[in-house]
Amino acid sequence: FTPQLGDLATDTAHSGRVGVVVTLPG
């Protein structure tokens, strides 16, 4: 999975918290 700006993602390192990708690496 390579999220893009605006995608919803579940972060397993934060107890499955769901967030909108607002900044990409780089």
mmCIF file of all heavy atoms, coordinates in Angstrom:
data_MODEL
# 
_entry.id   MODEL 
# 
loop_
_atom_site.group_PDB 
_atom_site.id 
_atom_site.type_symbol 
_atom_site.label_atom_id 
_atom_site.label_alt_id 
_atom_site.label_comp_id 
_atom_site.label_asym_id 
_atom_site.label_entity_id 
_atom_site.label_seq_id 
_atom_site.pdbx_PDB_ins_code 
_atom_site.Cartn_x 
_atom_site.Cartn_y 
_atom_site.Cartn_z 
_atom_site.occupancy 
_atom_site.B_iso_or_equiv 
_atom_site.pdbx_formal_charge 
_atom_site.auth_seq_id 
_atom_site.auth_comp_id 
_atom_site.auth_asym_id 
_atom_site.auth_atom_id 
_atom_site.pdbx_PDB_model_num 
ATOM 1   N N   . PHE A 1 1  ? 0.852   -1.188 0.000  1.00 0.00 ? 1  PHE A N   1 
ATOM 2   C CA  . PHE A 1 1  ? 0.000   0.000  0.000  1.00 0.00 ? 1  PHE A CA  1 
ATOM 3   C C   . PHE A 1 1  ? 0.889   1.239  0.000  1.00 0.00 ? 1  PHE A C   1 
ATOM 4   O O   . PHE A 1 1  ? 1.730   1.405  0.879  1.00 0.00 ? 1  PHE A O   1 
ATOM 5   C CB  . PHE A 1 1  ? -0.909  -0.036 1.231  1.00 0.00 ? 1  PHE A CB  1 
ATOM 6   C CG  . PHE A 1 1  ? -1.795  1.175  1.386  1.00 0.00 ? 1  PHE A CG  1 
ATOM 7   C CD1 . PHE A 1 1  ? -2.643  1.579  0.366  1.00 0.00 ? 1  PHE A CD1 1 
ATOM 8   C CD2 . PHE A 1 1  ? -1.784  1.900  2.557  1.00 0.00 ? 1  PHE A CD2 1 
ATOM 9   C CE1 . PHE A 1 1  ? -3.465  2.679  0.511  1.00 0.00 ? 1  PHE A CE1 1 
ATOM 10  C CE2 . PHE A 1 1  ? -2.610  3.002  2.724  1.00 0.00 ? 1  PHE A CE2 1 
ATOM 11  C CZ  . PHE A 1 1  ? -3.445  3.392  1.698  1.00 0.00 ? 1  PHE A CZ  1 
ATOM 12  N N   . THR A 1 2  ? 0.724   2.081  -0.995 1.00 0.00 ? 2  THR A N   1 
ATOM 13  C CA  . THR A 1 2  ? 1.442   3.346  -1.076 1.00 0.00 ? 2  THR A CA  1 
ATOM 14  C C   . THR A 1 2  ? 0.399   4.451  -1.093 1.00 0.00 ? 2  THR A C   1 
ATOM 15  O O   . THR A 1 2  ? -0.139  4.792  -2.149 1.00 0.00 ? 2  THR A O   1 
ATOM 16  C CB  . THR A 1 2  ? 2.313   3.410  -2.352 1.00 0.00 ? 2  THR A CB  1 
ATOM 17  O OG1 . THR A 1 2  ? 3.142   2.249  -2.385 1.00 0.00 ? 2  THR A OG1 1 
ATOM 18  C CG2 . THR A 1 2  ? 3.168   4.659  -2.365 1.00 0.00 ? 2  THR A CG2 1 
ATOM 19  N N   . PRO A 1 3  ? 0.087   5.022  0.084  1.00 0.00 ? 3  PRO A N   1 
ATOM 20  C CA  . PRO A 1 3  ? -0.968  6.025  0.137  1.00 0.00 ? 3  PRO A CA  1 
ATOM 21  C C   . PRO A 1 3  ? -0.606  7.293  -0.624 1.00 0.00 ? 3  PRO A C   1 
ATOM 22  O O   . PRO A 1 3  ? 0.563   7.668  -0.730 1.00 0.00 ? 3  PRO A O   1 
ATOM 23  C CB  . PRO A 1 3  ? -1.127  6.319  1.628  1.00 0.00 ? 3  PRO A CB  1 
ATOM 24  C CG  . PRO A 1 3  ? -0.044  5.609  2.336  1.00 0.00 ? 3  PRO A CG  1 
ATOM 25  C CD  . PRO A 1 3  ? 0.675   4.747  1.381  1.00 0.00 ? 3  PRO A CD  1 
ATOM 26  N N   . GLN A 1 4  ? -1.628  7.919  -1.147 1.00 0.00 ? 4  GLN A N   1 
ATOM 27  C CA  . GLN A 1 4  ? -1.490  9.195  -1.854 1.00 0.00 ? 4  GLN A CA  1 
ATOM 28  C C   . GLN A 1 4  ? -2.186  10.280 -1.032 1.00 0.00 ? 4  GLN A C   1 
ATOM 29  O O   . GLN A 1 4  ? -2.931  9.981  -0.102 1.00 0.00 ? 4  GLN A O   1 
ATOM 30  C CB  . GLN A 1 4  ? -2.122  9.083  -3.252 1.00 0.00 ? 4  GLN A CB  1 
ATOM 31  C CG  . GLN A 1 4  ? -1.519  7.992  -4.119 1.00 0.00 ? 4  GLN A CG  1 
ATOM 32  C CD  . GLN A 1 4  ? -0.039  8.201  -4.368 1.00 0.00 ? 4  GLN A CD  1 
ATOM 33  O OE1 . GLN A 1 4  ? 0.374   9.269  -4.791 1.00 0.00 ? 4  GLN A OE1 1 
ATOM 34  N NE2 . GLN A 1 4  ? 0.768   7.188  -4.098 1.00 0.00 ? 4  GLN A NE2 1 
ATOM 35  N N   . LEU A 1 5  ? -1.943  11.530 -1.383 1.00 0.00 ? 5  LEU A N   1 
ATOM 36  C CA  . LEU A 1 5  ? -2.602  12.639 -0.691 1.00 0.00 ? 5  LEU A CA  1 
ATOM 37  C C   . LEU A 1 5  ? -4.115  12.442 -0.704 1.00 0.00 ? 5  LEU A C   1 
ATOM 38  O O   . LEU A 1 5  ? -4.695  12.116 -1.746 1.00 0.00 ? 5  LEU A O   1 
ATOM 39  C CB  . LEU A 1 5  ? -2.259  13.972 -1.344 1.00 0.00 ? 5  LEU A CB  1 
ATOM 40  C CG  . LEU A 1 5  ? -0.892  14.543 -1.022 1.00 0.00 ? 5  LEU A CG  1 
ATOM 41  C CD1 . LEU A 1 5  ? -0.675  15.845 -1.808 1.00 0.00 ? 5  LEU A CD1 1 
ATOM 42  C CD2 . LEU A 1 5  ? -0.712  14.796 0.457  1.00 0.00 ? 5  LEU A CD2 1 
ATOM 43  N N   . GLY A 1 6  ? -4.744  12.616 0.437  1.00 0.00 ? 6  GLY A N   1 
ATOM 44  C CA  . GLY A 1 6  ? -6.191  12.508 0.541  1.00 0.00 ? 6  GLY A CA  1 
ATOM 45  C C   . GLY A 1 6  ? -6.700  11.114 0.819  1.00 0.00 ? 6  GLY A C   1 
ATOM 46  O O   . GLY A 1 6  ? -7.876  10.940 1.132  1.00 0.00 ? 6  GLY A O   1 
ATOM 47  N N   . ASP A 1 7  ? -5.842  10.102 0.714  1.00 0.00 ? 7  ASP A N   1 
ATOM 48  C CA  . ASP A 1 7  ? -6.272  8.730  1.001  1.00 0.00 ? 7  ASP A CA  1 
ATOM 49  C C   . ASP A 1 7  ? -6.535  8.552  2.489  1.00 0.00 ? 7  ASP A C   1 
ATOM 50  O O   . ASP A 1 7  ? -5.874  9.169  3.330  1.00 0.00 ? 7  ASP A O   1 
ATOM 51  C CB  . ASP A 1 7  ? -5.196  7.720  0.607  1.00 0.00 ? 7  ASP A CB  1 
ATOM 52  C CG  . ASP A 1 7  ? -5.121  7.458  -0.881 1.00 0.00 ? 7  ASP A CG  1 
ATOM 53  O OD1 . ASP A 1 7  ? -5.988  7.967  -1.622 1.00 0.00 ? 7  ASP A OD1 1 
ATOM 54  O OD2 . ASP A 1 7  ? -4.192  6.746  -1.298 1.00 0.00 ? 7  ASP A OD2 1 
ATOM 55  N N   . LEU A 1 8  ? -7.479  7.673  2.800  1.00 0.00 ? 8  LEU A N   1 
ATOM 56  C CA  . LEU A 1 8  ? -7.663  7.241  4.180  1.00 0.00 ? 8  LEU A CA  1 
ATOM 57  C C   . LEU A 1 8  ? -6.717  6.070  4.423  1.00 0.00 ? 8  LEU A C   1 
ATOM 58  O O   . LEU A 1 8  ? -6.571  5.200  3.561  1.00 0.00 ? 8  LEU A O   1 
ATOM 59  C CB  . LEU A 1 8  ? -9.100  6.779  4.424  1.00 0.00 ? 8  LEU A CB  1 
ATOM 60  C CG  . LEU A 1 8  ? -10.158 7.847  4.590  1.00 0.00 ? 8  LEU A CG  1 
ATOM 61  C CD1 . LEU A 1 8  ? -11.531 7.207  4.727  1.00 0.00 ? 8  LEU A CD1 1 
ATOM 62  C CD2 . LEU A 1 8  ? -9.877  8.736  5.784  1.00 0.00 ? 8  LEU A CD2 1 
ATOM 63  N N   . ALA A 1 9  ? -6.091  6.066  5.585  1.00 0.00 ? 9  ALA A N   1 
ATOM 64  C CA  . ALA A 1 9  ? -5.184  4.979  5.929  1.00 0.00 ? 9  ALA A CA  1 
ATOM 65  C C   . ALA A 1 9  ? -5.358  4.631  7.397  1.00 0.00 ? 9  ALA A C   1 
ATOM 66  O O   . ALA A 1 9  ? -5.630  5.495  8.231  1.00 0.00 ? 9  ALA A O   1 
ATOM 67  C CB  . ALA A 1 9  ? -3.748  5.384  5.646  1.00 0.00 ? 9  ALA A CB  1 
ATOM 68  N N   . THR A 1 10 ? -5.200  3.357  7.695  1.00 0.00 ? 10 THR A N   1 
ATOM 69  C CA  . THR A 1 10 ? -5.193  2.874  9.070  1.00 0.00 ? 10 THR A CA  1 
ATOM 70  C C   . THR A 1 10 ? -3.738  2.758  9.496  1.00 0.00 ? 10 THR A C   1 
ATOM 71  O O   . THR A 1 10 ? -2.936  2.141  8.801  1.00 0.00 ? 10 THR A O   1 
ATOM 72  C CB  . THR A 1 10 ? -5.869  1.492  9.163  1.00 0.00 ? 10 THR A CB  1 
ATOM 73  O OG1 . THR A 1 10 ? -7.209  1.606  8.707  1.00 0.00 ? 10 THR A OG1 1 
ATOM 74  C CG2 . THR A 1 10 ? -5.862  0.966  10.582 1.00 0.00 ? 10 THR A CG2 1 
ATOM 75  N N   . ASP A 1 11 ? -3.401  3.349  10.636 1.00 0.00 ? 11 ASP A N   1 
ATOM 76  C CA  . ASP A 1 11 ? -2.024  3.321  11.130 1.00 0.00 ? 11 ASP A CA  1 
ATOM 77  C C   . ASP A 1 11 ? -1.924  2.284  12.248 1.00 0.00 ? 11 ASP A C   1 
ATOM 78  O O   . ASP A 1 11 ? -2.400  2.496  13.356 1.00 0.00 ? 11 ASP A O   1 
ATOM 79  C CB  . ASP A 1 11 ? -1.612  4.704  11.634 1.00 0.00 ? 11 ASP A CB  1 
ATOM 80  C CG  . ASP A 1 11 ? -0.132  4.808  11.917 1.00 0.00 ? 11 ASP A CG  1 
ATOM 81  O OD1 . ASP A 1 11 ? 0.542   3.756  11.953 1.00 0.00 ? 11 ASP A OD1 1 
ATOM 82  O OD2 . ASP A 1 11 ? 0.348   5.935  12.107 1.00 0.00 ? 11 ASP A OD2 1 
ATOM 83  N N   . THR A 1 12 ? -1.279  1.174  11.939 1.00 0.00 ? 12 THR A N   1 
ATOM 84  C CA  . THR A 1 12 ? -1.172  0.086  12.912 1.00 0.00 ? 12 THR A CA  1 
ATOM 85  C C   . THR A 1 12 ? -0.274  0.456  14.093 1.00 0.00 ? 12 THR A C   1 
ATOM 86  O O   . THR A 1 12 ? -0.388  -0.135 15.165 1.00 0.00 ? 12 THR A O   1 
ATOM 87  C CB  . THR A 1 12 ? -0.635  -1.199 12.250 1.00 0.00 ? 12 THR A CB  1 
ATOM 88  O OG1 . THR A 1 12 ? 0.657   -0.936 11.682 1.00 0.00 ? 12 THR A OG1 1 
ATOM 89  C CG2 . THR A 1 12 ? -1.587  -1.686 11.160 1.00 0.00 ? 12 THR A CG2 1 
ATOM 90  N N   . ALA A 1 13 ? 0.602   1.428  13.923 1.00 0.00 ? 13 ALA A N   1 
ATOM 91  C CA  . ALA A 1 13 ? 1.474   1.862  15.020 1.00 0.00 ? 13 ALA A CA  1 
ATOM 92  C C   . ALA A 1 13 ? 0.730   2.760  16.004 1.00 0.00 ? 13 ALA A C   1 
ATOM 93  O O   . ALA A 1 13 ? 1.239   3.071  17.070 1.00 0.00 ? 13 ALA A O   1 
ATOM 94  C CB  . ALA A 1 13 ? 2.692   2.591  14.470 1.00 0.00 ? 13 ALA A CB  1 
ATOM 95  N N   . HIS A 1 14 ? -0.461  3.198  15.636 1.00 0.00 ? 14 HIS A N   1 
ATOM 96  C CA  . HIS A 1 14 ? -1.272  4.059  16.507 1.00 0.00 ? 14 HIS A CA  1 
ATOM 97  C C   . HIS A 1 14 ? -2.617  3.391  16.791 1.00 0.00 ? 14 HIS A C   1 
ATOM 98  O O   . HIS A 1 14 ? -3.683  3.972  16.608 1.00 0.00 ? 14 HIS A O   1 
ATOM 99  C CB  . HIS A 1 14 ? -1.481  5.438  15.868 1.00 0.00 ? 14 HIS A CB  1 
ATOM 100 C CG  . HIS A 1 14 ? -0.264  6.297  15.910 1.00 0.00 ? 14 HIS A CG  1 
ATOM 101 N ND1 . HIS A 1 14 ? 0.688   6.283  14.902 1.00 0.00 ? 14 HIS A ND1 1 
ATOM 102 C CD2 . HIS A 1 14 ? 0.185   7.158  16.847 1.00 0.00 ? 14 HIS A CD2 1 
ATOM 103 C CE1 . HIS A 1 14 ? 1.653   7.118  15.214 1.00 0.00 ? 14 HIS A CE1 1 
ATOM 104 N NE2 . HIS A 1 14 ? 1.383   7.663  16.389 1.00 0.00 ? 14 HIS A NE2 1 
ATOM 105 N N   . SER A 1 15 ? -2.562  2.121  17.169 1.00 0.00 ? 15 SER A N   1 
ATOM 106 C CA  . SER A 1 15 ? -3.755  1.347  17.559 1.00 0.00 ? 15 SER A CA  1 
ATOM 107 C C   . SER A 1 15 ? -4.848  1.319  16.497 1.00 0.00 ? 15 SER A C   1 
ATOM 108 O O   . SER A 1 15 ? -6.030  1.365  16.809 1.00 0.00 ? 15 SER A O   1 
ATOM 109 C CB  . SER A 1 15 ? -4.330  1.897  18.872 1.00 0.00 ? 15 SER A CB  1 
ATOM 110 O OG  . SER A 1 15 ? -3.368  1.866  19.882 1.00 0.00 ? 15 SER A OG  1 
ATOM 111 N N   . GLY A 1 16 ? -4.460  1.286  15.229 1.00 0.00 ? 16 GLY A N   1 
ATOM 112 C CA  . GLY A 1 16 ? -5.444  1.204  14.154 1.00 0.00 ? 16 GLY A CA  1 
ATOM 113 C C   . GLY A 1 16 ? -6.164  2.504  13.877 1.00 0.00 ? 16 GLY A C   1 
ATOM 114 O O   . GLY A 1 16 ? -7.213  2.520  13.240 1.00 0.00 ? 16 GLY A O   1 
ATOM 115 N N   . ARG A 1 17 ? -5.609  3.592  14.331 1.00 0.00 ? 17 ARG A N   1 
ATOM 116 C CA  . ARG A 1 17 ? -6.216  4.918  14.120 1.00 0.00 ? 17 ARG A CA  1 
ATOM 117 C C   . ARG A 1 17 ? -6.306  5.214  12.620 1.00 0.00 ? 17 ARG A C   1 
ATOM 118 O O   . ARG A 1 17 ? -5.387  4.937  11.865 1.00 0.00 ? 17 ARG A O   1 
ATOM 119 C CB  . ARG A 1 17 ? -5.330  5.944  14.814 1.00 0.00 ? 17 ARG A CB  1 
ATOM 120 C CG  . ARG A 1 17 ? -5.886  7.313  14.900 1.00 0.00 ? 17 ARG A CG  1 
ATOM 121 C CD  . ARG A 1 17 ? -4.956  8.158  15.754 1.00 0.00 ? 17 ARG A CD  1 
ATOM 122 N NE  . ARG A 1 17 ? -5.458  9.506  15.851 1.00 0.00 ? 17 ARG A NE  1 
ATOM 123 C CZ  . ARG A 1 17 ? -4.776  10.506 16.351 1.00 0.00 ? 17 ARG A CZ  1 
ATOM 124 N NH1 . ARG A 1 17 ? -3.559  10.306 16.813 1.00 0.00 ? 17 ARG A NH1 1 
ATOM 125 N NH2 . ARG A 1 17 ? -5.295  11.698 16.406 1.00 0.00 ? 17 ARG A NH2 1 
ATOM 126 N N   . VAL A 1 18 ? -7.429  5.774  12.197 1.00 0.00 ? 18 VAL A N   1 
ATOM 127 C CA  . VAL A 1 18 ? -7.646  6.108  10.795 1.00 0.00 ? 18 VAL A CA  1 
ATOM 128 C C   . VAL A 1 18 ? -7.377  7.591  10.588 1.00 0.00 ? 18 VAL A C   1 
ATOM 129 O O   . VAL A 1 18 ? -7.808  8.426  11.386 1.00 0.00 ? 18 VAL A O   1 
ATOM 130 C CB  . VAL A 1 18 ? -9.086  5.764  10.351 1.00 0.00 ? 18 VAL A CB  1 
ATOM 131 C CG1 . VAL A 1 18 ? -9.361  6.257  8.936  1.00 0.00 ? 18 VAL A CG1 1 
ATOM 132 C CG2 . VAL A 1 18 ? -9.319  4.262  10.445 1.00 0.00 ? 18 VAL A CG2 1 
ATOM 133 N N   . GLY A 1 19 ? -6.646  7.895  9.517  1.00 0.00 ? 19 GLY A N   1 
ATOM 134 C CA  . GLY A 1 19 ? -6.359  9.287  9.213  1.00 0.00 ? 19 GLY A CA  1 
ATOM 135 C C   . GLY A 1 19 ? -6.331  9.542  7.723  1.00 0.00 ? 19 GLY A C   1 
ATOM 136 O O   . GLY A 1 19 ? -6.225  8.620  6.913  1.00 0.00 ? 19 GLY A O   1 
ATOM 137 N N   . VAL A 1 20 ? -6.425  10.815 7.376  1.00 0.00 ? 20 VAL A N   1 
ATOM 138 C CA  . VAL A 1 20 ? -6.310  11.258 5.988  1.00 0.00 ? 20 VAL A CA  1 
ATOM 139 C C   . VAL A 1 20 ? -4.851  11.630 5.764  1.00 0.00 ? 20 VAL A C   1 
ATOM 140 O O   . VAL A 1 20 ? -4.253  12.349 6.573  1.00 0.00 ? 20 VAL A O   1 
ATOM 141 C CB  . VAL A 1 20 ? -7.206  12.494 5.723  1.00 0.00 ? 20 VAL A CB  1 
ATOM 142 C CG1 . VAL A 1 20 ? -7.047  12.983 4.290  1.00 0.00 ? 20 VAL A CG1 1 
ATOM 143 C CG2 . VAL A 1 20 ? -8.656  12.168 6.022  1.00 0.00 ? 20 VAL A CG2 1 
ATOM 144 N N   . VAL A 1 21 ? -4.264  11.149 4.682  1.00 0.00 ? 21 VAL A N   1 
ATOM 145 C CA  . VAL A 1 21 ? -2.881  11.488 4.368  1.00 0.00 ? 21 VAL A CA  1 
ATOM 146 C C   . VAL A 1 21 ? -2.842  12.947 3.903  1.00 0.00 ? 21 VAL A C   1 
ATOM 147 O O   . VAL A 1 21 ? -3.471  13.305 2.915  1.00 0.00 ? 21 VAL A O   1 
ATOM 148 C CB  . VAL A 1 21 ? -2.304  10.553 3.285  1.00 0.00 ? 21 VAL A CB  1 
ATOM 149 C CG1 . VAL A 1 21 ? -0.901  10.973 2.887  1.00 0.00 ? 21 VAL A CG1 1 
ATOM 150 C CG2 . VAL A 1 21 ? -2.339  9.112  3.756  1.00 0.00 ? 21 VAL A CG2 1 
ATOM 151 N N   . VAL A 1 22 ? -2.137  13.792 4.675  1.00 0.00 ? 22 VAL A N   1 
ATOM 152 C CA  . VAL A 1 22 ? -2.077  15.223 4.355  1.00 0.00 ? 22 VAL A CA  1 
ATOM 153 C C   . VAL A 1 22 ? -0.705  15.650 3.841  1.00 0.00 ? 22 VAL A C   1 
ATOM 154 O O   . VAL A 1 22 ? -0.572  16.713 3.244  1.00 0.00 ? 22 VAL A O   1 
ATOM 155 C CB  . VAL A 1 22 ? -2.511  16.101 5.557  1.00 0.00 ? 22 VAL A CB  1 
ATOM 156 C CG1 . VAL A 1 22 ? -3.982  15.876 5.870  1.00 0.00 ? 22 VAL A CG1 1 
ATOM 157 C CG2 . VAL A 1 22 ? -1.655  15.844 6.781  1.00 0.00 ? 22 VAL A CG2 1 
ATOM 158 N N   . THR A 1 23 ? 0.323   14.834 4.076  1.00 0.00 ? 23 THR A N   1 
ATOM 159 C CA  . THR A 1 23 ? 1.657   15.121 3.554  1.00 0.00 ? 23 THR A CA  1 
ATOM 160 C C   . THR A 1 23 ? 2.348   13.813 3.219  1.00 0.00 ? 23 THR A C   1 
ATOM 161 O O   . THR A 1 23 ? 2.285   12.851 3.996  1.00 0.00 ? 23 THR A O   1 
ATOM 162 C CB  . THR A 1 23 ? 2.517   15.884 4.588  1.00 0.00 ? 23 THR A CB  1 
ATOM 163 O OG1 . THR A 1 23 ? 1.810   17.035 5.011  1.00 0.00 ? 23 THR A OG1 1 
ATOM 164 C CG2 . THR A 1 23 ? 3.845   16.309 3.988  1.00 0.00 ? 23 THR A CG2 1 
ATOM 165 N N   . LEU A 1 24 ? 2.991   13.787 2.052  1.00 0.00 ? 24 LEU A N   1 
ATOM 166 C CA  . LEU A 1 24 ? 3.743   12.608 1.629  1.00 0.00 ? 24 LEU A CA  1 
ATOM 167 C C   . LEU A 1 24 ? 5.219   12.805 1.931  1.00 0.00 ? 24 LEU A C   1 
ATOM 168 O O   . LEU A 1 24 ? 5.714   13.942 1.923  1.00 0.00 ? 24 LEU A O   1 
ATOM 169 C CB  . LEU A 1 24 ? 3.572   12.382 0.125  1.00 0.00 ? 24 LEU A CB  1 
ATOM 170 C CG  . LEU A 1 24 ? 2.160   12.140 -0.381 1.00 0.00 ? 24 LEU A CG  1 
ATOM 171 C CD1 . LEU A 1 24 ? 2.154   12.110 -1.902 1.00 0.00 ? 24 LEU A CD1 1 
ATOM 172 C CD2 . LEU A 1 24 ? 1.610   10.850 0.184  1.00 0.00 ? 24 LEU A CD2 1 
ATOM 173 N N   . PRO A 1 25 ? 5.950   11.714 2.162  1.00 0.00 ? 25 PRO A N   1 
ATOM 174 C CA  . PRO A 1 25 ? 7.393   11.848 2.334  1.00 0.00 ? 25 PRO A CA  1 
ATOM 175 C C   . PRO A 1 25 ? 8.003   12.479 1.082  1.00 0.00 ? 25 PRO A C   1 
ATOM 176 O O   . PRO A 1 25 ? 7.649   12.131 -0.038 1.00 0.00 ? 25 PRO A O   1 
ATOM 177 C CB  . PRO A 1 25 ? 7.884   10.410 2.496  1.00 0.00 ? 25 PRO A CB  1 
ATOM 178 C CG  . PRO A 1 25 ? 6.678   9.621  2.866  1.00 0.00 ? 25 PRO A CG  1 
ATOM 179 C CD  . PRO A 1 25 ? 5.509   10.338 2.274  1.00 0.00 ? 25 PRO A CD  1 
ATOM 180 N N   . GLY A 1 26 ? 8.875   13.443 1.278  1.00 0.00 ? 26 GLY A N   1 
ATOM 181 C CA  . GLY A 1 26 ? 9.498   14.119 0.142  1.00 0.00 ? 26 GLY A CA  1 
ATOM 182 C C   . GLY A 1 26 ? 8.795   15.394 -0.255 1.00 0.00 ? 26 GLY A C   1 
ATOM 183 O O   . GLY A 1 26 ? 9.369   16.255 -0.910 1.00 0.00 ? 26 GLY A O   1 
# 
